């Protein structure tokens, strides 16, 4: 799994952790085809583009019950 984070500008700001789309798809590909997963994430999460990748906030992904079940499996 590939994780990205942004360094906060000040110490009071929270560090955000992001997961790229392909890492998510690798975990849930048995349950969701790529196009269905993409539509689900676009509807429920906000994406960030970085080096030609779609990144999704870890907290947003964990708030989707269908994806969370598959992501927490070892």
Protein backbone atom coordinates (compact mmCIF):
# COMPACT_ATOMS: atom_id res chain seq x y z
CA UNK A 1 0.00 0.00 0.00
CA UNK A 2 1.33 3.40 -0.94
CA UNK A 3 0.74 6.17 1.57
CA UNK A 4 1.34 9.87 1.09
CA UNK A 5 1.22 12.66 3.62
CA UNK A 6 1.43 16.39 3.60
CA UNK A 7 3.61 18.22 6.04
CA UNK A 8 1.61 20.79 8.00
CA UNK A 9 2.59 24.45 7.75
CA UNK A 10 2.24 25.04 11.47
CA UNK A 11 2.47 22.76 14.46
CA UNK A 12 -1.23 23.16 15.21
CA UNK A 13 -2.25 21.79 11.83
CA UNK A 14 -3.00 18.14 11.43
CA UNK A 15 -0.98 15.88 9.15
CA UNK A 16 -3.15 14.34 6.45
CA UNK A 17 -2.51 10.83 5.19
CA UNK A 18 -3.53 9.88 1.65
CA UNK A 19 -3.83 6.57 -0.18
CA UNK A 20 -3.62 6.32 -3.93
CA UNK A 21 -6.39 4.77 -5.99
CA UNK A 22 -4.43 1.74 -7.16
CA UNK A 23 -3.53 0.76 -3.61
CA UNK A 24 -7.19 0.89 -2.64
CA UNK A 25 -8.19 -1.08 -5.71
CA UNK A 26 -5.65 -3.81 -4.92
CA UNK A 27 -7.37 -4.37 -1.57
CA UNK A 28 -10.95 -4.36 -2.84
CA UNK A 29 -10.63 -5.66 -6.41
CA UNK A 30 -12.46 -8.90 -5.54
CA UNK A 31 -15.48 -6.94 -4.43
CA UNK A 32 -15.48 -3.91 -6.75
CA UNK A 33 -14.44 -3.52 -10.37
CA UNK A 34 -12.22 -0.54 -11.03
CA UNK A 35 -14.93 1.64 -12.55
CA UNK A 36 -17.41 1.01 -9.71
CA UNK A 37 -14.81 1.76 -7.09
CA UNK A 38 -13.82 4.95 -8.86
CA UNK A 39 -17.44 6.15 -8.96
CA UNK A 40 -17.95 5.26 -5.29
CA UNK A 41 -14.85 7.15 -4.21
CA UNK A 42 -15.70 10.17 -6.35
CA UNK A 43 -19.15 10.29 -4.80
CA UNK A 44 -18.05 9.87 -1.17
CA UNK A 45 -14.53 11.34 -1.05
CA UNK A 46 -12.67 14.25 -2.45
CA UNK A 47 -9.58 13.41 -4.47
CA UNK A 48 -6.27 15.20 -4.69
CA UNK A 49 -4.04 14.95 -7.75
CA UNK A 50 -0.35 14.34 -7.19
CA UNK A 51 2.11 13.25 -9.88
CA UNK A 52 -0.65 11.92 -12.10
CA UNK A 53 -2.26 9.92 -9.28
CA UNK A 54 -5.60 10.24 -7.55
CA UNK A 55 -5.09 10.40 -3.80
CA UNK A 56 -7.85 10.02 -1.25
CA UNK A 57 -7.79 11.06 2.38
CA UNK A 58 -7.39 8.03 4.65
CA UNK A 59 -10.09 9.24 7.05
CA UNK A 60 -12.61 9.64 4.23
CA UNK A 61 -11.95 6.13 2.96
CA UNK A 62 -12.36 4.62 6.41
CA UNK A 63 -15.79 6.29 6.66
CA UNK A 64 -17.08 4.18 3.75
CA UNK A 65 -18.26 0.91 5.34
CA UNK A 66 -18.04 -1.16 2.14
CA UNK A 67 -14.39 -0.26 1.60
CA UNK A 68 -13.42 -0.24 5.28
CA UNK A 69 -14.31 -3.91 5.67
CA UNK A 70 -11.92 -4.89 2.91
CA UNK A 71 -9.16 -2.46 3.89
CA UNK A 72 -8.88 -3.71 7.47
CA UNK A 73 -8.27 -7.31 6.41
CA UNK A 74 -4.61 -8.37 6.66
